PDB file of all heavy atoms in Angstrom:
ATOM      1  N   TYR A   1      -3.553  14.340  19.817  1.00  0.00           N
ATOM      2  CA  TYR A   1      -2.198  14.756  19.450  1.00  0.00           C
ATOM      3  C   TYR A   1      -2.172  15.350  18.038  1.00  0.00           C
ATOM      4  O   TYR A   1      -1.204  15.980  17.657  1.00  0.00           O
ATOM      5  CB  TYR A   1      -1.251  13.554  19.505  1.00  0.00           C
ATOM      6  CG  TYR A   1      -1.193  12.906  20.862  1.00  0.00           C
ATOM      7  CD1 TYR A   1      -2.064  11.868  21.190  1.00  0.00           C
ATOM      8  CD2 TYR A   1      -0.280  13.324  21.827  1.00  0.00           C
ATOM      9  CE1 TYR A   1      -2.030  11.257  22.435  1.00  0.00           C
ATOM     10  CE2 TYR A   1      -0.228  12.726  23.074  1.00  0.00           C
ATOM     11  CZ  TYR A   1      -1.110  11.693  23.375  1.00  0.00           C
ATOM     12  OH  TYR A   1      -1.072  11.099  24.614  1.00  0.00           O
ATOM     13  N   GLY A   2      -3.240  15.141  17.281  1.00  0.00           N
ATOM     14  CA  GLY A   2      -3.303  15.600  15.905  1.00  0.00           C
ATOM     15  C   GLY A   2      -4.224  16.791  15.730  1.00  0.00           C
ATOM     16  O   GLY A   2      -4.410  17.598  16.641  1.00  0.00           O
ATOM     17  N   SER A   3      -4.845  16.876  14.550  1.00  0.00           N
ATOM     18  CA  SER A   3      -5.678  18.019  14.182  1.00  0.00           C
ATOM     19  C   SER A   3      -7.139  17.596  14.078  1.00  0.00           C
ATOM     20  O   SER A   3      -7.461  16.593  13.423  1.00  0.00           O
ATOM     21  CB  SER A   3      -5.212  18.586  12.837  1.00  0.00           C
ATOM     22  OG  SER A   3      -6.100  19.574  12.367  1.00  0.00           O
ATOM     23  N   VAL A   4      -8.023  18.375  14.707  1.00  0.00           N
ATOM     24  CA  VAL A   4      -9.462  18.099  14.681  1.00  0.00           C
ATOM     25  C   VAL A   4     -10.182  19.374  14.277  1.00  0.00           C
ATOM     26  O   VAL A   4      -9.997  20.425  14.899  1.00  0.00           O
ATOM     27  CB  VAL A   4      -9.980  17.634  16.064  1.00  0.00           C
ATOM     28  CG1 VAL A   4     -11.483  17.396  16.014  1.00  0.00           C
ATOM     29  CG2 VAL A   4      -9.254  16.379  16.515  1.00  0.00           C
ATOM     30  N   LYS A   5     -11.021  19.299  13.256  1.00  0.00           N
ATOM     31  CA  LYS A   5     -11.755  20.467  12.773  1.00  0.00           C
ATOM     32  C   LYS A   5     -13.206  20.089  12.480  1.00  0.00           C
ATOM     33  O   LYS A   5     -13.470  19.121  11.770  1.00  0.00           O
ATOM     34  CB  LYS A   5     -11.091  21.032  11.512  1.00  0.00           C
ATOM     35  CG  LYS A   5     -11.768  22.278  10.957  1.00  0.00           C
ATOM     36  CD  LYS A   5     -11.033  22.781   9.715  1.00  0.00           C
ATOM     37  CE  LYS A   5     -11.723  24.025   9.145  1.00  0.00           C
ATOM     38  NZ  LYS A   5     -11.019  24.513   7.922  1.00  0.00           N
ATOM     39  N   HIS A   6     -14.122  20.863  13.051  1.00  0.00           N
ATOM     40  CA  HIS A   6     -15.563  20.702  12.794  1.00  0.00           C
ATOM     41  C   HIS A   6     -15.986  19.235  12.907  1.00  0.00           C
ATOM     42  O   HIS A   6     -16.538  18.640  11.988  1.00  0.00           O
ATOM     43  CB  HIS A   6     -15.921  21.249  11.406  1.00  0.00           C
ATOM     44  CG  HIS A   6     -17.398  21.496  11.255  1.00  0.00           C
ATOM     45  ND1 HIS A   6     -18.209  20.701  10.483  1.00  0.00           N
ATOM     46  CD2 HIS A   6     -18.204  22.448  11.801  1.00  0.00           C
ATOM     47  CE1 HIS A   6     -19.454  21.144  10.539  1.00  0.00           C
ATOM     48  NE2 HIS A   6     -19.480  22.203  11.330  1.00  0.00           N
ATOM     49  N   SER A   7     -15.718  18.662  14.077  1.00  0.00           N
ATOM     50  CA  SER A   7     -15.995  17.245  14.299  1.00  0.00           C
ATOM     51  C   SER A   7     -16.493  17.010  15.726  1.00  0.00           C
ATOM     52  O   SER A   7     -16.331  17.858  16.606  1.00  0.00           O
ATOM     53  CB  SER A   7     -14.736  16.403  14.038  1.00  0.00           C
ATOM     54  OG  SER A   7     -14.356  16.471  12.680  1.00  0.00           O
ATOM     55  N   VAL A   8     -17.092  15.843  15.926  1.00  0.00           N
ATOM     56  CA  VAL A   8     -17.547  15.411  17.243  1.00  0.00           C
ATOM     57  C   VAL A   8     -16.709  14.205  17.645  1.00  0.00           C
ATOM     58  O   VAL A   8     -16.747  13.161  16.973  1.00  0.00           O
ATOM     59  CB  VAL A   8     -19.040  15.042  17.222  1.00  0.00           C
ATOM     60  CG1 VAL A   8     -19.467  14.493  18.587  1.00  0.00           C
ATOM     61  CG2 VAL A   8     -19.890  16.254  16.850  1.00  0.00           C
ATOM     62  N   ILE A   9     -15.933  14.357  18.720  1.00  0.00           N
ATOM     63  CA  ILE A   9     -15.053  13.300  19.201  1.00  0.00           C
ATOM     64  C   ILE A   9     -15.628  12.770  20.515  1.00  0.00           C
ATOM     65  O   ILE A   9     -15.720  13.496  21.505  1.00  0.00           O
ATOM     66  CB  ILE A   9     -13.609  13.810  19.421  1.00  0.00           C
ATOM     67  CG1 ILE A   9     -13.121  14.608  18.203  1.00  0.00           C
ATOM     68  CG2 ILE A   9     -12.690  12.637  19.730  1.00  0.00           C
ATOM     69  CD1 ILE A   9     -13.088  13.830  16.905  1.00  0.00           C
ATOM     70  N   SER A  10     -16.010  11.512  20.518  1.00  0.00           N
ATOM     71  CA  SER A  10     -16.717  10.936  21.658  1.00  0.00           C
ATOM     72  C   SER A  10     -15.769  10.480  22.761  1.00  0.00           C
ATOM     73  O   SER A  10     -14.541  10.550  22.633  1.00  0.00           O
ATOM     74  CB  SER A  10     -17.574   9.760  21.187  1.00  0.00           C
ATOM     75  OG  SER A  10     -18.501  10.171  20.215  1.00  0.00           O
ATOM     76  N   VAL A  11     -16.355   9.994  23.823  1.00  0.00           N
ATOM     77  CA  VAL A  11     -15.639   9.583  25.027  1.00  0.00           C
ATOM     78  C   VAL A  11     -14.552   8.552  24.710  1.00  0.00           C
ATOM     79  O   VAL A  11     -14.770   7.591  23.971  1.00  0.00           O
ATOM     80  CB  VAL A  11     -16.634   9.001  26.042  1.00  0.00           C
ATOM     81  CG1 VAL A  11     -15.901   8.388  27.231  1.00  0.00           C
ATOM     82  CG2 VAL A  11     -17.621  10.057  26.510  1.00  0.00           C
ATOM     83  N   GLY A  12     -13.360   8.764  25.292  1.00  0.00           N
ATOM     84  CA  GLY A  12     -12.320   7.746  25.279  1.00  0.00           C
ATOM     85  C   GLY A  12     -11.628   7.501  23.956  1.00  0.00           C
ATOM     86  O   GLY A  12     -11.107   6.405  23.721  1.00  0.00           O
ATOM     87  N   CYS A  13     -11.574   8.500  23.092  1.00  0.00           N
ATOM     88  CA  CYS A  13     -10.922   8.333  21.788  1.00  0.00           C
ATOM     89  C   CYS A  13      -9.473   8.824  21.828  1.00  0.00           C
ATOM     90  O   CYS A  13      -9.124   9.697  22.618  1.00  0.00           O
ATOM     91  CB  CYS A  13     -11.683   9.102  20.704  1.00  0.00           C
ATOM     92  SG  CYS A  13     -13.329   8.448  20.373  1.00  0.00           S
ATOM     93  N   THR A  14      -8.676   8.278  20.923  1.00  0.00           N
ATOM     94  CA  THR A  14      -7.287   8.706  20.782  1.00  0.00           C
ATOM     95  C   THR A  14      -7.044   9.119  19.330  1.00  0.00           C
ATOM     96  O   THR A  14      -7.371   8.365  18.405  1.00  0.00           O
ATOM     97  CB  THR A  14      -6.311   7.577  21.149  1.00  0.00           C
ATOM     98  OG1 THR A  14      -6.530   7.201  22.517  1.00  0.00           O
ATOM     99  CG2 THR A  14      -4.866   8.036  20.976  1.00  0.00           C
ATOM    100  N   ILE A  15      -6.469  10.311  19.155  1.00  0.00           N
ATOM    101  CA  ILE A  15      -6.148  10.815  17.824  1.00  0.00           C
ATOM    102  C   ILE A  15      -4.646  11.074  17.777  1.00  0.00           C
ATOM    103  O   ILE A  15      -4.132  11.948  18.474  1.00  0.00           O
ATOM    104  CB  ILE A  15      -6.953  12.089  17.508  1.00  0.00           C
ATOM    105  CG1 ILE A  15      -8.449  11.753  17.552  1.00  0.00           C
ATOM    106  CG2 ILE A  15      -6.561  12.663  16.150  1.00  0.00           C
ATOM    107  CD1 ILE A  15      -9.353  12.947  17.448  1.00  0.00           C
ATOM    108  N   GLY A  16      -3.967  10.286  16.983  1.00  0.00           N
ATOM    109  CA  GLY A  16      -2.513  10.272  17.008  1.00  0.00           C
ATOM    110  C   GLY A  16      -1.849  11.483  16.374  1.00  0.00           C
ATOM    111  O   GLY A  16      -2.481  12.318  15.714  1.00  0.00           O
ATOM    112  N   LYS A  17      -0.572  11.570  16.570  1.00  0.00           N
ATOM    113  CA  LYS A  17       0.247  12.671  16.073  1.00  0.00           C
ATOM    114  C   LYS A  17       0.167  12.731  14.539  1.00  0.00           C
ATOM    115  O   LYS A  17       0.309  11.724  13.849  1.00  0.00           O
ATOM    116  CB  LYS A  17       1.690  12.496  16.527  1.00  0.00           C
ATOM    117  CG  LYS A  17       2.615  13.670  16.223  1.00  0.00           C
ATOM    118  CD  LYS A  17       3.984  13.417  16.797  1.00  0.00           C
ATOM    119  CE  LYS A  17       4.916  14.600  16.548  1.00  0.00           C
ATOM    120  NZ  LYS A  17       4.459  15.818  17.250  1.00  0.00           N
ATOM    121  N   GLY A  18      -0.082  13.899  14.022  1.00  0.00           N
ATOM    122  CA  GLY A  18      -0.145  14.086  12.578  1.00  0.00           C
ATOM    123  C   GLY A  18      -1.440  13.623  11.940  1.00  0.00           C
ATOM    124  O   GLY A  18      -1.628  13.791  10.726  1.00  0.00           O
ATOM    125  N   ALA A  19      -2.332  13.038  12.711  1.00  0.00           N
ATOM    126  CA  ALA A  19      -3.633  12.613  12.175  1.00  0.00           C
ATOM    127  C   ALA A  19      -4.509  13.838  11.933  1.00  0.00           C
ATOM    128  O   ALA A  19      -4.398  14.851  12.636  1.00  0.00           O
ATOM    129  CB  ALA A  19      -4.317  11.644  13.127  1.00  0.00           C
ATOM    130  N   ILE A  20      -5.404  13.741  10.948  1.00  0.00           N
ATOM    131  CA  ILE A  20      -6.318  14.832  10.613  1.00  0.00           C
ATOM    132  C   ILE A  20      -7.745  14.295  10.641  1.00  0.00           C
ATOM    133  O   ILE A  20      -8.049  13.294   9.982  1.00  0.00           O
ATOM    134  CB  ILE A  20      -6.005  15.410   9.215  1.00  0.00           C
ATOM    135  CG1 ILE A  20      -4.610  16.023   9.187  1.00  0.00           C
ATOM    136  CG2 ILE A  20      -7.057  16.431   8.810  1.00  0.00           C
ATOM    137  CD1 ILE A  20      -4.159  16.447   7.789  1.00  0.00           C
ATOM    138  N   VAL A  21      -8.611  14.958  11.409  1.00  0.00           N
ATOM    139  CA  VAL A  21     -10.030  14.597  11.477  1.00  0.00           C
ATOM    140  C   VAL A  21     -10.830  15.841  11.147  1.00  0.00           C
ATOM    141  O   VAL A  21     -10.743  16.846  11.863  1.00  0.00           O
ATOM    142  CB  VAL A  21     -10.420  14.058  12.868  1.00  0.00           C
ATOM    143  CG1 VAL A  21     -11.902  13.697  12.899  1.00  0.00           C
ATOM    144  CG2 VAL A  21      -9.559  12.865  13.253  1.00  0.00           C
ATOM    145  N   GLU A  22     -11.623  15.788  10.070  1.00  0.00           N
ATOM    146  CA  GLU A  22     -12.422  16.938   9.658  1.00  0.00           C
ATOM    147  C   GLU A  22     -13.836  16.509   9.297  1.00  0.00           C
ATOM    148  O   GLU A  22     -14.040  15.476   8.660  1.00  0.00           O
ATOM    149  CB  GLU A  22     -11.781  17.628   8.445  1.00  0.00           C
ATOM    150  CG  GLU A  22     -10.417  18.238   8.722  1.00  0.00           C
ATOM    151  CD  GLU A  22      -9.822  18.924   7.499  1.00  0.00           C
ATOM    152  OE1 GLU A  22     -10.428  18.831   6.412  1.00  0.00           O
ATOM    153  OE2 GLU A  22      -8.745  19.548   7.633  1.00  0.00           O
ATOM    154  N   ASP A  23     -14.828  17.299   9.732  1.00  0.00           N
ATOM    155  CA  ASP A  23     -16.233  17.081   9.364  1.00  0.00           C
ATOM    156  C   ASP A  23     -16.651  15.636   9.619  1.00  0.00           C
ATOM    157  O   ASP A  23     -17.316  15.009   8.779  1.00  0.00           O
ATOM    158  CB  ASP A  23     -16.450  17.429   7.885  1.00  0.00           C
ATOM    159  CG  ASP A  23     -16.096  18.874   7.575  1.00  0.00           C
ATOM    160  OD1 ASP A  23     -16.684  19.769   8.200  1.00  0.00           O
ATOM    161  OD2 ASP A  23     -15.205  19.094   6.723  1.00  0.00           O
ATOM    162  N   SER A  24     -16.301  15.124  10.780  1.00  0.00           N
ATOM    163  CA  SER A  24     -16.536  13.708  11.065  1.00  0.00           C
ATOM    164  C   SER A  24     -17.111  13.488  12.459  1.00  0.00           C
ATOM    165  O   SER A  24     -17.007  14.350  13.343  1.00  0.00           O
ATOM    166  CB  SER A  24     -15.235  12.915  10.902  1.00  0.00           C
ATOM    167  OG  SER A  24     -14.817  12.921   9.554  1.00  0.00           O
ATOM    168  N   VAL A  25     -17.697  12.313  12.642  1.00  0.00           N
ATOM    169  CA  VAL A  25     -18.229  11.871  13.930  1.00  0.00           C
ATOM    170  C   VAL A  25     -17.423  10.655  14.356  1.00  0.00           C
ATOM    171  O   VAL A  25     -17.415   9.630  13.659  1.00  0.00           O
ATOM    172  CB  VAL A  25     -19.719  11.507  13.833  1.00  0.00           C
ATOM    173  CG1 VAL A  25     -20.238  11.039  15.191  1.00  0.00           C
ATOM    174  CG2 VAL A  25     -20.529  12.682  13.312  1.00  0.00           C
ATOM    175  N   VAL A  26     -16.736  10.775  15.484  1.00  0.00           N
ATOM    176  CA  VAL A  26     -15.896   9.693  15.997  1.00  0.00           C
ATOM    177  C   VAL A  26     -16.558   9.176  17.270  1.00  0.00           C
ATOM    178  O   VAL A  26     -16.643   9.883  18.278  1.00  0.00           O
ATOM    179  CB  VAL A  26     -14.465  10.198  16.278  1.00  0.00           C
ATOM    180  CG1 VAL A  26     -13.587   9.056  16.786  1.00  0.00           C
ATOM    181  CG2 VAL A  26     -13.862  10.808  15.014  1.00  0.00           C
ATOM    182  N   MET A  27     -17.066   7.949  17.214  1.00  0.00           N
ATOM    183  CA  MET A  27     -17.834   7.385  18.313  1.00  0.00           C
ATOM    184  C   MET A  27     -16.917   6.844  19.410  1.00  0.00           C
ATOM    185  O   MET A  27     -15.704   6.782  19.228  1.00  0.00           O
ATOM    186  CB  MET A  27     -18.800   6.333  17.766  1.00  0.00           C
ATOM    187  CG  MET A  27     -19.865   6.957  16.862  1.00  0.00           C
ATOM    188  SD  MET A  27     -21.089   5.783  16.253  1.00  0.00           S
ATOM    189  CE  MET A  27     -22.158   6.897  15.316  1.00  0.00           C
ATOM    190  N   PRO A  28     -17.454   6.463  20.568  1.00  0.00           N
ATOM    191  CA  PRO A  28     -16.619   6.136  21.731  1.00  0.00           C
ATOM    192  C   PRO A  28     -15.573   5.051  21.466  1.00  0.00           C
ATOM    193  O   PRO A  28     -15.808   4.069  20.765  1.00  0.00           O
ATOM    194  CB  PRO A  28     -17.641   5.666  22.768  1.00  0.00           C
ATOM    195  CG  PRO A  28     -18.887   6.391  22.414  1.00  0.00           C
ATOM    196  CD  PRO A  28     -18.891   6.445  20.921  1.00  0.00           C
ATOM    197  N   GLY A  29     -14.393   5.265  22.075  1.00  0.00           N
ATOM    198  CA  GLY A  29     -13.354   4.250  22.086  1.00  0.00           C
ATOM    199  C   GLY A  29     -12.573   4.074  20.801  1.00  0.00           C
ATOM    200  O   GLY A  29     -11.801   3.127  20.666  1.00  0.00           O
ATOM    201  N   VAL A  30     -12.712   4.999  19.863  1.00  0.00           N
ATOM    202  CA  VAL A  30     -12.020   4.875  18.577  1.00  0.00           C
ATOM    203  C   VAL A  30     -10.551   5.267  18.727  1.00  0.00           C
ATOM    204  O   VAL A  30     -10.212   6.216  19.436  1.00  0.00           O
ATOM    205  CB  VAL A  30     -12.704   5.751  17.512  1.00  0.00           C
ATOM    206  CG1 VAL A  30     -11.853   5.843  16.244  1.00  0.00           C
ATOM    207  CG2 VAL A  30     -14.087   5.211  17.185  1.00  0.00           C
ATOM    208  N   VAL A  31      -9.685   4.558  18.017  1.00  0.00           N
ATOM    209  CA  VAL A  31      -8.260   4.878  17.967  1.00  0.00           C
ATOM    210  C   VAL A  31      -7.909   5.252  16.531  1.00  0.00           C
ATOM    211  O   VAL A  31      -8.124   4.464  15.602  1.00  0.00           O
ATOM    212  CB  VAL A  31      -7.396   3.697  18.426  1.00  0.00           C
ATOM    213  CG1 VAL A  31      -5.910   4.016  18.235  1.00  0.00           C
ATOM    214  CG2 VAL A  31      -7.689   3.366  19.892  1.00  0.00           C
ATOM    215  N   ILE A  32      -7.355   6.459  16.363  1.00  0.00           N
ATOM    216  CA  ILE A  32      -6.892   6.928  15.062  1.00  0.00           C
ATOM    217  C   ILE A  32      -5.382   7.110  15.170  1.00  0.00           C
ATOM    218  O   ILE A  32      -4.901   7.957  15.924  1.00  0.00           O
ATOM    219  CB  ILE A  32      -7.580   8.249  14.672  1.00  0.00           C
ATOM    220  CG1 ILE A  32      -9.094   8.049  14.596  1.00  0.00           C
ATOM    221  CG2 ILE A  32      -7.035   8.781  13.342  1.00  0.00           C
ATOM    222  CD1 ILE A  32      -9.882   9.340  14.431  1.00  0.00           C
ATOM    223  N   GLU A  33      -4.647   6.315  14.451  1.00  0.00           N
ATOM    224  CA  GLU A  33      -3.190   6.308  14.608  1.00  0.00           C
ATOM    225  C   GLU A  33      -2.525   7.439  13.827  1.00  0.00           C
ATOM    226  O   GLU A  33      -3.166   8.176  13.067  1.00  0.00           O
ATOM    227  CB  GLU A  33      -2.640   4.945  14.185  1.00  0.00           C
ATOM    228  CG  GLU A  33      -3.075   3.817  15.116  1.00  0.00           C
ATOM    229  CD  GLU A  33      -2.413   2.489  14.802  1.00  0.00           C
ATOM    230  OE1 GLU A  33      -1.822   2.346  13.704  1.00  0.00           O
ATOM    231  OE2 GLU A  33      -2.483   1.589  15.658  1.00  0.00           O
TER     232      GLU A  33
END
């Protein structure tokens, strides 16, 4: 629901509204509010 730039988002993750993920590795099952 948010913004993802130059990142790897793994299986089953949730990225909430207004969240920003940049230059990052998000492993399985992570929740970002």
